[in-house]
N, C-alpha and C. Protein backbone atom coordinates (compact mmCIF):
# COMPACT_ATOMS: atom_id res chain seq x y z
N MET A 1 27.83 91.08 135.17
CA MET A 1 28.05 90.34 133.82
C MET A 1 28.04 91.49 133.03
N ILE A 2 27.02 92.46 132.84
CA ILE A 2 26.72 93.45 131.84
C ILE A 2 27.98 94.40 131.85
N ALA A 3 28.40 94.66 133.06
CA ALA A 3 29.66 95.64 133.25
C ALA A 3 30.81 95.07 132.37
N ILE A 4 31.02 93.71 132.77
CA ILE A 4 32.20 92.97 132.11
C ILE A 4 32.03 92.95 130.54
N TYR A 5 30.63 92.75 129.89
CA TYR A 5 30.55 92.96 128.58
C TYR A 5 30.80 94.23 128.12
N LYS A 6 30.24 95.29 128.67
CA LYS A 6 30.65 96.62 128.22
C LYS A 6 31.92 97.06 127.99
N ARG A 7 32.78 96.65 129.28
CA ARG A 7 34.21 96.86 129.29
C ARG A 7 34.97 95.95 128.23
N LEU A 8 34.61 94.75 127.93
CA LEU A 8 35.18 93.94 126.68
C LEU A 8 34.74 94.57 125.45
N VAL A 9 33.56 95.11 125.38
CA VAL A 9 33.14 95.79 123.87
C VAL A 9 34.01 96.94 123.68
N GLY A 10 34.18 97.80 124.85
CA GLY A 10 35.17 98.99 124.95
C GLY A 10 36.48 98.61 124.48
N TYR A 11 37.12 97.63 124.96
CA TYR A 11 38.51 97.24 124.54
C TYR A 11 38.38 96.87 123.05
N LEU A 12 37.46 96.02 122.63
CA LEU A 12 37.43 95.47 121.22
C LEU A 12 37.29 96.82 120.21
N ASN A 13 36.67 97.75 120.64
CA ASN A 13 36.47 98.94 119.85
C ASN A 13 37.69 99.66 119.36
N TYR A 14 38.76 99.57 120.28
CA TYR A 14 40.14 100.01 120.01
C TYR A 14 40.75 99.30 118.79
N GLY A 15 40.32 97.98 118.45
CA GLY A 15 40.77 97.10 117.38
C GLY A 15 40.20 97.49 116.28
N LYS A 16 39.14 98.25 116.06
CA LYS A 16 38.40 98.65 114.71
C LYS A 16 39.55 99.06 113.79
N ASP A 17 40.20 100.27 114.32
CA ASP A 17 41.19 101.04 113.35
C ASP A 17 42.20 100.09 112.81
N VAL A 18 42.66 99.20 113.77
CA VAL A 18 43.73 98.16 113.30
C VAL A 18 43.18 97.08 112.41
N ALA A 19 42.05 96.75 112.59
CA ALA A 19 41.28 95.73 111.54
C ALA A 19 41.04 96.51 110.16
N LEU A 20 40.58 97.73 110.18
CA LEU A 20 40.39 98.39 108.91
C LEU A 20 41.84 98.67 108.26
N LEU A 21 42.74 98.83 108.87
CA LEU A 21 44.29 99.00 108.30
C LEU A 21 44.54 97.68 107.65
N PHE A 22 44.42 96.54 108.49
CA PHE A 22 44.75 95.12 107.93
C PHE A 22 43.89 94.87 106.86
N LEU A 23 42.70 95.27 106.93
CA LEU A 23 41.87 95.00 105.51
C LEU A 23 42.35 95.85 104.38
N ARG A 24 42.57 96.87 104.65
CA ARG A 24 43.12 97.65 103.37
C ARG A 24 44.33 97.19 102.97
N LEU A 25 45.47 96.85 103.76
CA LEU A 25 46.71 96.34 103.29
C LEU A 25 46.39 94.85 102.64
N ILE A 26 45.55 94.05 103.16
CA ILE A 26 45.45 92.69 102.61
C ILE A 26 44.90 92.98 100.99
N LEU A 27 43.85 93.79 100.97
CA LEU A 27 43.17 94.21 99.68
C LEU A 27 44.22 94.83 98.71
N ALA A 28 45.13 95.56 99.20
CA ALA A 28 46.28 96.22 98.29
C ALA A 28 47.18 95.25 97.80
N TYR A 29 47.50 94.27 98.77
CA TYR A 29 48.28 93.10 98.42
C TYR A 29 47.65 92.26 97.15
N GLY A 30 46.43 91.96 97.50
CA GLY A 30 45.56 91.34 96.51
C GLY A 30 45.38 91.77 95.23
N PHE A 31 45.51 93.20 95.10
CA PHE A 31 45.32 93.85 93.79
C PHE A 31 46.94 93.88 93.12
N TRP A 32 48.02 93.92 94.03
CA TRP A 32 49.21 94.08 93.37
C TRP A 32 49.66 93.27 92.28
N GLU A 33 49.49 92.08 92.53
CA GLU A 33 50.25 91.02 91.54
C GLU A 33 49.15 91.18 90.14
N PRO A 34 47.71 91.37 90.24
CA PRO A 34 47.07 91.44 88.84
C PRO A 34 47.38 92.84 88.08
N ALA A 35 47.30 93.77 89.06
CA ALA A 35 47.85 95.18 88.31
C ALA A 35 49.18 95.00 87.62
N LYS A 36 50.24 94.69 88.48
CA LYS A 36 51.57 94.59 87.85
C LYS A 36 51.53 93.57 86.54
N THR A 37 50.86 92.68 86.80
CA THR A 37 50.78 91.65 85.51
C THR A 37 50.08 92.20 84.32
N LYS A 38 48.97 93.02 84.57
CA LYS A 38 48.51 93.88 83.37
C LYS A 38 49.33 94.80 82.99
N TRP A 39 49.95 95.64 83.74
CA TRP A 39 50.82 96.55 83.37
C TRP A 39 52.10 95.88 82.72
N ALA A 40 52.57 94.82 82.85
CA ALA A 40 53.72 94.10 82.23
C ALA A 40 53.52 93.79 80.75
N ASP A 41 52.27 93.71 80.44
CA ASP A 41 51.93 93.39 79.03
C ASP A 41 50.49 93.77 78.78
N ILE A 42 50.31 95.03 78.67
CA ILE A 42 48.94 95.47 78.52
C ILE A 42 48.46 95.06 77.02
N ASP A 43 49.12 95.01 76.08
CA ASP A 43 48.62 94.50 74.80
C ASP A 43 48.14 92.96 74.79
N SER A 44 48.82 92.17 75.70
CA SER A 44 48.11 90.74 75.59
C SER A 44 46.76 90.79 76.46
N VAL A 45 46.77 91.63 77.58
CA VAL A 45 45.46 91.77 78.39
C VAL A 45 44.32 92.39 77.33
N ALA A 46 44.61 93.30 76.55
CA ALA A 46 43.80 93.89 75.58
C ALA A 46 43.46 92.76 74.53
N GLY A 47 44.22 91.85 74.13
CA GLY A 47 43.87 90.69 73.23
C GLY A 47 42.94 89.79 73.87
N TRP A 48 43.43 89.56 75.23
CA TRP A 48 42.59 88.55 76.02
C TRP A 48 41.16 88.92 76.19
N PHE A 49 41.02 90.48 76.58
CA PHE A 49 39.71 91.05 76.71
C PHE A 49 38.94 90.95 75.53
N GLU A 50 39.54 91.14 74.03
CA GLU A 50 38.93 91.19 72.82
C GLU A 50 38.17 89.70 72.70
N THR A 51 39.14 88.65 73.28
CA THR A 51 38.54 87.22 72.90
C THR A 51 37.32 87.03 73.70
N MET A 52 37.23 87.59 74.80
CA MET A 52 36.02 87.42 75.73
C MET A 52 34.81 88.29 75.25
N GLY A 53 35.07 89.18 74.36
CA GLY A 53 33.95 89.98 73.73
C GLY A 53 33.88 91.26 74.46
N ILE A 54 34.91 91.65 75.29
CA ILE A 54 34.64 92.93 76.06
C ILE A 54 34.81 94.06 75.21
N PHE A 55 33.80 95.10 75.30
CA PHE A 55 33.92 96.29 74.53
C PHE A 55 35.08 97.11 74.63
N ALA A 56 35.52 97.67 73.70
CA ALA A 56 36.87 98.56 73.60
C ALA A 56 37.78 97.81 74.45
N PRO A 57 38.25 96.68 74.01
CA PRO A 57 39.09 95.94 74.71
C PRO A 57 40.56 96.57 75.23
N LYS A 58 41.13 97.44 74.46
CA LYS A 58 42.30 98.17 74.87
C LYS A 58 42.02 99.12 75.88
N LEU A 59 41.04 100.05 75.81
CA LEU A 59 40.62 101.02 76.81
C LEU A 59 40.38 100.29 77.93
N ASN A 60 39.54 99.14 77.99
CA ASN A 60 39.14 98.59 79.22
C ASN A 60 40.38 98.01 80.07
N ALA A 61 41.37 97.31 79.21
CA ALA A 61 42.63 97.03 79.73
C ALA A 61 43.24 98.06 80.52
N TYR A 62 43.51 99.07 79.99
CA TYR A 62 43.87 100.18 80.64
C TYR A 62 43.19 100.73 81.77
N LEU A 63 41.87 100.60 81.72
CA LEU A 63 41.02 101.19 82.93
C LEU A 63 41.13 100.15 84.15
N ALA A 64 41.17 98.92 83.57
CA ALA A 64 41.22 97.80 84.78
C ALA A 64 42.60 97.76 85.51
N ALA A 65 43.82 97.91 84.50
CA ALA A 65 45.17 98.06 85.27
C ALA A 65 45.49 99.33 85.93
N SER A 66 44.89 100.47 85.53
CA SER A 66 44.75 101.63 86.16
C SER A 66 44.06 101.70 87.54
N THR A 67 42.79 101.18 87.53
CA THR A 67 42.05 101.13 88.66
C THR A 67 42.58 100.16 89.64
N GLU A 68 43.23 99.05 89.26
CA GLU A 68 43.81 98.15 90.27
C GLU A 68 45.15 98.75 90.99
N MET A 69 45.86 99.30 90.11
CA MET A 69 47.28 100.00 90.49
C MET A 69 46.90 101.20 91.47
N ALA A 70 45.89 102.15 91.07
CA ALA A 70 45.64 103.07 91.84
C ALA A 70 44.92 102.66 93.30
N GLY A 71 44.25 101.42 93.16
CA GLY A 71 43.77 100.83 94.45
C GLY A 71 44.93 100.25 95.31
N VAL A 72 45.70 99.98 94.57
CA VAL A 72 47.12 99.45 95.59
C VAL A 72 47.67 100.44 96.39
N PHE A 73 47.90 101.49 95.70
CA PHE A 73 48.56 102.79 96.37
C PHE A 73 47.34 103.56 97.43
N MET A 74 46.35 103.63 96.95
CA MET A 74 45.22 104.55 97.69
C MET A 74 45.01 103.53 99.07
N LEU A 75 44.71 102.03 98.80
CA LEU A 75 44.31 101.35 99.95
C LEU A 75 45.38 101.36 100.88
N THR A 76 46.85 101.19 100.36
CA THR A 76 47.94 101.18 101.36
C THR A 76 48.03 102.39 102.10
N LEU A 77 47.89 103.67 101.55
CA LEU A 77 48.06 104.81 102.21
C LEU A 77 46.69 105.23 102.99
N GLY A 78 45.73 104.69 102.74
CA GLY A 78 44.39 104.99 103.28
C GLY A 78 43.98 106.29 102.79
N ILE A 79 44.19 106.55 101.53
CA ILE A 79 43.78 107.99 101.02
C ILE A 79 42.75 107.74 99.88
N GLY A 80 41.63 108.36 100.03
CA GLY A 80 40.53 108.37 99.11
C GLY A 80 40.03 106.83 99.09
N THR A 81 40.01 106.15 100.22
CA THR A 81 39.63 104.73 100.37
C THR A 81 38.02 104.56 100.01
N ARG A 82 37.41 105.43 100.34
CA ARG A 82 35.94 105.19 100.00
C ARG A 82 35.73 105.40 98.43
N LEU A 83 36.52 106.55 97.91
CA LEU A 83 36.32 106.81 96.54
C LEU A 83 36.94 105.80 95.59
N ILE A 84 38.09 105.10 95.77
CA ILE A 84 38.71 103.97 95.09
C ILE A 84 37.86 102.64 95.07
N SER A 85 37.30 102.55 96.39
CA SER A 85 36.49 101.15 96.63
C SER A 85 35.42 100.98 95.47
N PHE A 86 34.51 101.98 95.10
CA PHE A 86 33.66 101.88 94.07
C PHE A 86 34.15 101.34 92.81
N PRO A 87 35.11 102.00 92.12
CA PRO A 87 35.61 101.54 91.18
C PRO A 87 36.36 99.84 91.02
N LEU A 88 36.93 99.71 92.19
CA LEU A 88 37.36 98.40 92.23
C LEU A 88 36.46 97.21 92.48
N ILE A 89 35.18 97.72 93.02
CA ILE A 89 34.00 96.83 93.12
C ILE A 89 33.47 96.59 91.58
N ILE A 90 33.29 97.68 90.96
CA ILE A 90 32.97 97.42 89.53
C ILE A 90 33.94 96.62 88.75
N THR A 91 35.33 96.88 88.82
CA THR A 91 36.29 95.96 88.21
C THR A 91 36.03 94.55 88.61
N MET A 92 35.71 94.05 90.02
CA MET A 92 35.56 92.91 90.45
C MET A 92 34.09 92.07 89.86
N LEU A 93 33.31 92.99 89.75
CA LEU A 93 31.99 92.53 89.15
C LEU A 93 32.31 92.10 87.74
N VAL A 94 33.08 92.95 86.93
CA VAL A 94 33.26 92.62 85.51
C VAL A 94 34.19 91.28 85.63
N ALA A 95 35.02 91.26 86.25
CA ALA A 95 35.81 90.18 86.41
C ALA A 95 34.95 88.84 86.63
N ILE A 96 34.16 88.72 87.55
CA ILE A 96 33.15 87.73 87.90
C ILE A 96 32.30 87.37 86.66
N LYS A 97 31.74 88.26 86.18
CA LYS A 97 31.02 88.00 85.01
C LYS A 97 31.62 87.47 83.77
N THR A 98 32.96 88.01 83.60
CA THR A 98 33.43 87.64 82.25
C THR A 98 34.53 86.37 82.55
N VAL A 99 34.94 86.32 83.59
CA VAL A 99 35.83 85.20 83.78
C VAL A 99 35.43 84.09 84.80
N HIS A 100 35.12 84.52 85.89
CA HIS A 100 34.90 83.48 87.06
C HIS A 100 33.54 82.85 87.01
N TRP A 101 32.41 83.54 86.58
CA TRP A 101 31.12 82.96 86.95
C TRP A 101 30.85 81.53 86.45
N VAL A 102 31.34 81.31 85.22
CA VAL A 102 31.16 80.00 84.60
C VAL A 102 31.89 78.94 85.38
N ASN A 103 33.04 79.01 86.35
CA ASN A 103 33.80 78.08 86.87
C ASN A 103 33.08 78.05 88.17
N GLY A 104 31.98 78.42 88.68
CA GLY A 104 31.37 78.30 89.80
C GLY A 104 31.99 79.18 91.11
N PHE A 105 31.72 78.76 92.26
CA PHE A 105 32.08 79.42 93.31
C PHE A 105 33.65 79.12 93.86
N PRO A 106 34.03 77.92 93.79
CA PRO A 106 35.38 77.58 94.52
C PRO A 106 36.40 78.41 93.94
N SER A 107 37.38 79.02 94.56
CA SER A 107 38.64 79.58 94.12
C SER A 107 39.51 78.48 93.59
N SER A 108 39.49 77.28 94.08
CA SER A 108 40.29 76.13 93.47
C SER A 108 40.11 75.98 92.00
N GLU A 109 38.93 76.37 91.46
CA GLU A 109 38.74 76.18 90.09
C GLU A 109 38.30 77.55 89.50
N ASN A 110 39.17 78.49 89.82
CA ASN A 110 38.95 79.74 89.42
C ASN A 110 37.57 80.47 89.31
N GLY A 111 36.79 80.07 90.36
CA GLY A 111 35.55 80.72 90.60
C GLY A 111 35.65 82.02 91.10
N TYR A 112 34.40 82.35 91.48
CA TYR A 112 34.07 83.70 91.84
C TYR A 112 34.28 84.13 93.35
N GLU A 113 34.80 83.00 94.01
CA GLU A 113 34.93 83.18 95.67
C GLU A 113 35.85 84.39 96.06
N ILE A 114 37.21 84.57 95.39
CA ILE A 114 37.94 85.58 95.83
C ILE A 114 37.42 86.90 95.38
N PRO A 115 37.10 87.11 94.12
CA PRO A 115 36.49 88.39 93.61
C PRO A 115 35.27 88.80 94.67
N LEU A 116 34.50 87.79 95.12
CA LEU A 116 33.36 87.98 95.98
C LEU A 116 33.91 88.50 97.19
N TYR A 117 34.83 87.90 97.80
CA TYR A 117 35.44 88.37 98.95
C TYR A 117 35.99 89.72 98.89
N PHE A 118 36.78 90.13 97.84
CA PHE A 118 37.15 91.43 97.70
C PHE A 118 36.04 92.48 97.64
N ILE A 119 34.92 92.14 96.97
CA ILE A 119 33.72 92.94 96.81
C ILE A 119 33.31 93.45 98.39
N LEU A 120 33.09 92.38 99.09
CA LEU A 120 32.82 92.30 100.65
C LEU A 120 33.44 93.12 101.23
N MET A 121 35.09 92.89 101.10
CA MET A 121 35.76 93.99 101.98
C MET A 121 35.75 95.17 101.69
N LEU A 122 35.77 95.58 100.21
CA LEU A 122 35.61 96.95 99.55
C LEU A 122 34.45 97.62 99.85
N PHE A 123 33.17 96.83 100.19
CA PHE A 123 31.99 97.39 100.56
C PHE A 123 32.14 97.81 102.07
N THR A 124 32.96 96.90 102.91
CA THR A 124 33.11 97.30 104.35
C THR A 124 33.91 98.74 104.42
N LEU A 125 34.87 98.86 103.56
CA LEU A 125 35.59 100.03 103.64
C LEU A 125 34.84 101.26 103.03
N MET A 126 33.97 100.95 102.07
CA MET A 126 33.19 102.16 101.68
C MET A 126 32.13 102.45 102.89
N SER A 127 31.70 101.52 103.56
CA SER A 127 30.78 101.91 104.66
C SER A 127 31.52 102.52 105.96
N PHE A 128 32.61 102.12 106.23
CA PHE A 128 33.47 102.38 107.21
C PHE A 128 34.43 103.57 107.42
N GLY A 129 34.92 103.48 105.81
CA GLY A 129 36.01 104.55 105.71
C GLY A 129 37.21 103.77 106.03
N ALA A 130 38.46 104.53 106.11
CA ALA A 130 39.69 103.93 106.17
C ALA A 130 40.17 103.67 107.81
N GLY A 131 39.51 104.25 108.38
CA GLY A 131 39.86 104.08 109.80
C GLY A 131 40.97 105.17 110.34
N LYS A 132 41.11 105.18 111.50
CA LYS A 132 42.27 106.44 112.01
C LYS A 132 43.42 106.16 111.67
N ILE A 133 43.99 104.98 111.11
CA ILE A 133 45.48 104.91 110.91
C ILE A 133 45.37 104.97 109.37
N SER A 134 45.34 106.19 108.90
CA SER A 134 45.06 106.57 107.29
C SER A 134 45.47 107.94 107.06
N MET A 135 45.69 107.93 105.92
CA MET A 135 45.83 109.46 105.35
C MET A 135 44.53 110.11 105.40
N ASP A 136 43.52 109.38 105.06
CA ASP A 136 42.20 110.04 105.04
C ASP A 136 42.06 110.79 106.34
N ASN A 137 42.30 110.07 107.41
CA ASN A 137 42.16 110.58 108.88
C ASN A 137 43.05 111.92 109.25
N PHE A 138 44.17 111.53 108.74
CA PHE A 138 45.15 112.90 109.12
C PHE A 138 44.77 114.04 108.17
N ILE A 139 44.30 113.90 106.90
CA ILE A 139 43.71 114.97 106.30
C ILE A 139 42.46 115.53 106.91
N LYS A 140 41.58 114.71 107.16
CA LYS A 140 40.55 115.19 108.04
C LYS A 140 40.66 116.19 109.33
N LYS A 141 41.82 115.63 109.94
CA LYS A 141 42.21 116.28 111.22
C LYS A 141 42.81 117.59 110.90
N SER A 142 43.56 117.64 109.85
CA SER A 142 44.35 118.80 109.45
C SER A 142 43.41 119.91 109.05
N LEU A 143 42.28 119.33 108.28
CA LEU A 143 41.20 120.49 107.86
C LEU A 143 40.46 121.02 108.89
N ASN A 144 40.24 120.17 109.98
CA ASN A 144 39.53 120.45 111.19
C ASN A 144 40.07 121.50 112.09
N LYS A 145 41.41 121.68 112.01
CA LYS A 145 42.19 122.71 112.97
C LYS A 145 41.81 124.20 112.43
C-alpha cells in the first residue's frame, strides 16, 4: 500500500509544473480585462480614484494599470513571476480596501472574494515560482550552463 502511495505521489509531482502554468495563465487572463479597461480611459479611472479619496489619484491610476498590464505579460511568459506577484498583491489589497470590503465576501455582490482568490494564487506563485514551463526556468538553466 505504501509503495502504491509513493508511486502515485511521484506521478502527481509531474503535474506541479502544469498546475503552476495554468495558475499563471488564469491570473494573467483575470488581470487582462481590468488592465485593458483602465488603459482605455485612464482619466476616468483617476477621477473614480479621486472620488474614493485615493491619494494622488492620477499617479495611482497609472500605477494600478501598469502593474496589472505588466502582470498580464509577466505571468503569461513566466518571467519575473515572483517579482511581479508582490505588487499585484498590493494592488489587490488596495482594491479590497477601497472597493470590495464594504460589499462583504460574495463576488456576486462585488465583494472581496475574487481579489482574495487572486492574492492566494499570487502568494502561491511567490512561494513556488513559475515552475519549469516558464521563461524564469529557461533563463535559470541558461545561466547555469
